[in-house]
Amino acid sequence: MIVYLVRHGIAEDRGMAIPDSDRALTTDGIRKMHRIVSGLQRLDVQPAAIWTSPLRRTRETAEILAAGLGVNAVRLCDSLAPASSLDAVCAGLAGAPDSVMVVGHQPDLGELASRLLFGGQQGDSLPFKKGAVAKITWKDGDPTGRSRLEWFLTPAQLRLLGRSGG
């Protein structure tokens, strides 16, 4: 089993005029996510499915990833919304396709990575920058505390990889 954890791209600033759930990717965020996809293509990332938080910025990120990586459908998962329970996400991953990409938010993604890798409880977190991607693998069944970190790349590293062609 492979799971790719992806933090959404650069979004509009928090403000009173826009509800948090409606914050869109910025023009720069969209451009950078396309370059991140190029890096993921160089790494031969081919998820069978993409799951995303229902918030606008993650949906937009997931759509860019799906188009660039040839994934036909994006599944909205309420359990990936900010401050949701990680238990539902872990349970879903135990029965997921062989390769799934999860698009979400920080600190939730960092806490999910920690739980998968170390069995960590809420509060333990890996530092995901906007557009960062981690590849985590495990054999069958419940991944909690039984997973392996294959790589954890910053958005700048992924963009550079996509630009350099190798």
Protein backbone atom coordinates (compact mmCIF):
# COMPACT_ATOMS: atom_id res chain seq x y z
CA MET A 1 0.00 0.00 0.00
CA ILE A 2 1.19 3.48 -0.87
CA VAL A 3 -0.24 6.73 0.42
CA TYR A 4 0.91 10.13 -0.76
CA LEU A 5 0.12 12.91 1.70
CA VAL A 6 -0.14 16.32 0.01
CA ARG A 7 -0.71 19.68 1.64
CA HIS A 8 -2.81 22.03 -0.47
CA GLY A 9 -1.15 24.77 -2.48
CA ILE A 10 -0.83 28.46 -1.62
CA ALA A 11 -4.29 29.90 -0.95
CA GLU A 12 -5.83 33.30 -0.39
CA ASP A 13 -5.03 34.86 2.95
CA ARG A 14 -7.39 34.37 5.84
CA GLY A 15 -9.68 37.31 6.17
CA MET A 16 -13.07 38.33 7.34
CA ALA A 17 -14.37 38.77 3.78
CA ILE A 18 -13.89 35.10 2.79
CA PRO A 19 -14.97 32.12 4.89
CA ASP A 20 -12.08 29.71 5.48
CA SER A 21 -13.86 26.94 3.56
CA ASP A 22 -14.10 29.16 0.45
CA ARG A 23 -10.46 30.27 0.25
CA ALA A 24 -9.18 29.53 -3.27
CA LEU A 25 -5.67 28.84 -4.53
CA THR A 26 -3.90 31.98 -5.63
CA THR A 27 -2.57 32.42 -9.17
CA ASP A 28 0.91 31.73 -7.78
CA GLY A 29 -0.42 28.70 -5.89
CA ILE A 30 -1.92 27.26 -9.08
CA ARG A 31 1.29 27.86 -11.05
CA LYS A 32 3.44 26.25 -8.36
CA MET A 33 1.12 23.23 -8.03
CA HIS A 34 1.45 22.59 -11.78
CA ARG A 35 5.24 22.61 -11.36
CA ILE A 36 4.94 20.28 -8.34
CA VAL A 37 2.93 17.90 -10.52
CA SER A 38 5.82 17.90 -13.01
CA GLY A 39 8.12 16.79 -10.20
CA LEU A 40 5.68 14.05 -9.18
CA GLN A 41 5.54 12.87 -12.79
CA ARG A 42 9.36 12.58 -12.78
CA LEU A 43 9.02 10.40 -9.67
CA ASP A 44 6.48 8.23 -11.54
CA VAL A 45 3.76 8.92 -8.98
CA GLN A 46 0.58 7.18 -10.19
CA PRO A 47 -2.10 7.03 -7.49
CA ALA A 48 -5.19 4.93 -8.15
CA ALA A 49 -7.35 7.47 -6.32
CA ILE A 50 -7.24 10.96 -4.86
CA TRP A 51 -9.06 11.81 -1.64
CA THR A 52 -9.44 15.43 -0.57
CA SER A 53 -10.80 17.63 2.15
CA PRO A 54 -14.01 19.34 1.04
CA LEU A 55 -12.52 22.83 1.42
CA ARG A 56 -12.07 24.77 -1.81
CA ARG A 57 -8.26 25.09 -1.73
CA THR A 58 -7.80 21.34 -1.29
CA ARG A 59 -10.37 20.52 -3.97
CA GLU A 60 -8.55 22.82 -6.40
CA THR A 61 -5.22 21.25 -5.49
CA ALA A 62 -6.67 17.75 -5.96
CA GLU A 63 -8.06 18.68 -9.37
CA ILE A 64 -4.64 19.91 -10.55
CA LEU A 65 -3.05 16.69 -9.26
CA ALA A 66 -5.71 14.50 -10.88
CA ALA A 67 -5.37 16.20 -14.27
CA GLY A 68 -1.57 16.05 -14.22
CA LEU A 69 -1.27 12.50 -12.90
CA GLY A 70 -4.08 10.96 -14.95
CA VAL A 71 -6.45 10.15 -12.08
CA ASN A 72 -10.08 9.98 -13.21
CA ALA A 73 -11.94 10.93 -10.03
CA VAL A 74 -11.43 12.94 -6.89
CA ARG A 75 -13.29 11.79 -3.77
CA LEU A 76 -14.37 14.38 -1.20
CA CYS A 77 -13.79 13.13 2.36
CA ASP A 78 -15.32 15.07 5.25
CA SER A 79 -12.85 13.29 7.56
CA LEU A 80 -10.04 15.30 5.88
CA ALA A 81 -11.55 18.67 6.83
CA PRO A 82 -9.47 20.63 9.36
CA ALA A 83 -9.60 19.34 12.95
CA SER A 84 -11.51 16.16 12.02
CA SER A 85 -10.80 12.79 13.60
CA LEU A 86 -7.78 10.96 12.22
CA ASP A 87 -9.37 7.64 13.23
CA ALA A 88 -11.75 7.74 10.25
CA VAL A 89 -8.91 8.54 7.85
CA CYS A 90 -6.75 5.67 9.19
CA ALA A 91 -9.70 3.26 8.97
CA GLY A 92 -10.34 4.34 5.38
CA LEU A 93 -6.69 3.87 4.44
CA ALA A 94 -6.72 0.30 5.79
CA GLY A 95 -9.26 -0.58 3.08
CA ALA A 96 -8.09 1.81 0.35
CA PRO A 97 -6.85 0.97 -3.15
CA ASP A 98 -3.16 0.02 -3.47
CA SER A 99 -2.18 3.65 -4.01
CA VAL A 100 -4.05 6.71 -2.80
CA MET A 101 -3.18 10.40 -2.68
CA VAL A 102 -4.62 12.33 0.27
CA VAL A 103 -4.89 16.12 -0.02
CA GLY A 104 -5.39 17.98 3.22
CA HIS A 105 -4.37 20.60 5.73
CA GLN A 106 -1.75 21.23 8.36
CA PRO A 107 -1.44 20.27 11.20
CA ASP A 108 -3.78 17.37 10.37
CA LEU A 109 -1.56 15.91 7.61
CA GLY A 110 1.50 16.09 9.83
CA GLU A 111 -0.40 14.35 12.63
CA LEU A 112 -1.66 11.69 10.20
CA ALA A 113 1.90 11.04 8.99
CA SER A 114 3.07 10.74 12.59
CA ARG A 115 0.30 8.30 13.43
CA LEU A 116 1.02 6.16 10.36
CA LEU A 117 4.76 6.10 10.98
CA PHE A 118 5.02 5.99 14.73
CA GLY A 119 1.54 5.35 16.09
CA GLY A 120 1.72 8.92 17.44
CA GLN A 121 -1.22 10.53 19.12
CA GLN A 122 -2.81 13.85 18.19
CA GLY A 123 -0.32 16.65 18.71
CA ASP A 124 2.68 14.85 17.17
CA SER A 125 3.24 16.27 13.71
CA LEU A 126 5.55 16.32 10.69
CA PRO A 127 5.99 19.84 9.19
CA PHE A 128 4.21 20.00 5.83
CA LYS A 129 4.76 23.19 3.85
CA LYS A 130 2.08 24.17 1.31
CA GLY A 131 2.55 21.81 -1.64
CA ALA A 132 4.82 19.35 0.23
CA VAL A 133 4.35 15.62 -0.45
CA ALA A 134 5.24 12.54 1.59
CA LYS A 135 5.25 8.98 0.28
CA ILE A 136 4.42 6.42 2.98
CA THR A 137 4.16 2.65 2.45
CA TRP A 138 3.05 -0.39 4.45
CA LYS A 139 2.07 -4.00 3.92
CA ASP A 140 -1.57 -5.02 4.41
CA GLY A 141 -4.03 -4.07 7.12
CA ASP A 142 -4.00 -1.28 9.67
CA PRO A 143 -1.16 1.11 8.79
CA THR A 144 -1.00 2.81 12.22
CA GLY A 145 2.56 2.65 13.51
CA ARG A 146 3.57 0.10 10.89
CA SER A 147 4.41 2.34 7.97
CA ARG A 148 7.63 3.45 6.32
CA LEU A 149 8.51 6.92 5.07
CA GLU A 150 9.89 6.50 1.54
CA TRP A 151 10.40 10.23 0.93
CA PHE A 152 9.22 13.60 2.18
CA LEU A 153 9.81 16.44 -0.29
CA THR A 154 9.31 20.16 0.00
CA PRO A 155 7.47 22.04 -2.74
CA ALA A 156 10.74 23.68 -3.82
CA GLN A 157 12.40 20.27 -4.22
CA LEU A 158 9.47 18.96 -6.27
CA ARG A 159 9.42 22.04 -8.49
CA LEU A 160 13.17 21.78 -9.05
CA LEU A 161 12.85 18.09 -9.88
CA GLY A 162 10.10 18.85 -12.39
CA ARG A 163 12.08 21.63 -13.99
CA SER A 164 15.38 19.76 -14.15
CA GLY A 165 13.96 16.69 -15.80
CA GLY A 166 15.79 14.37 -13.42
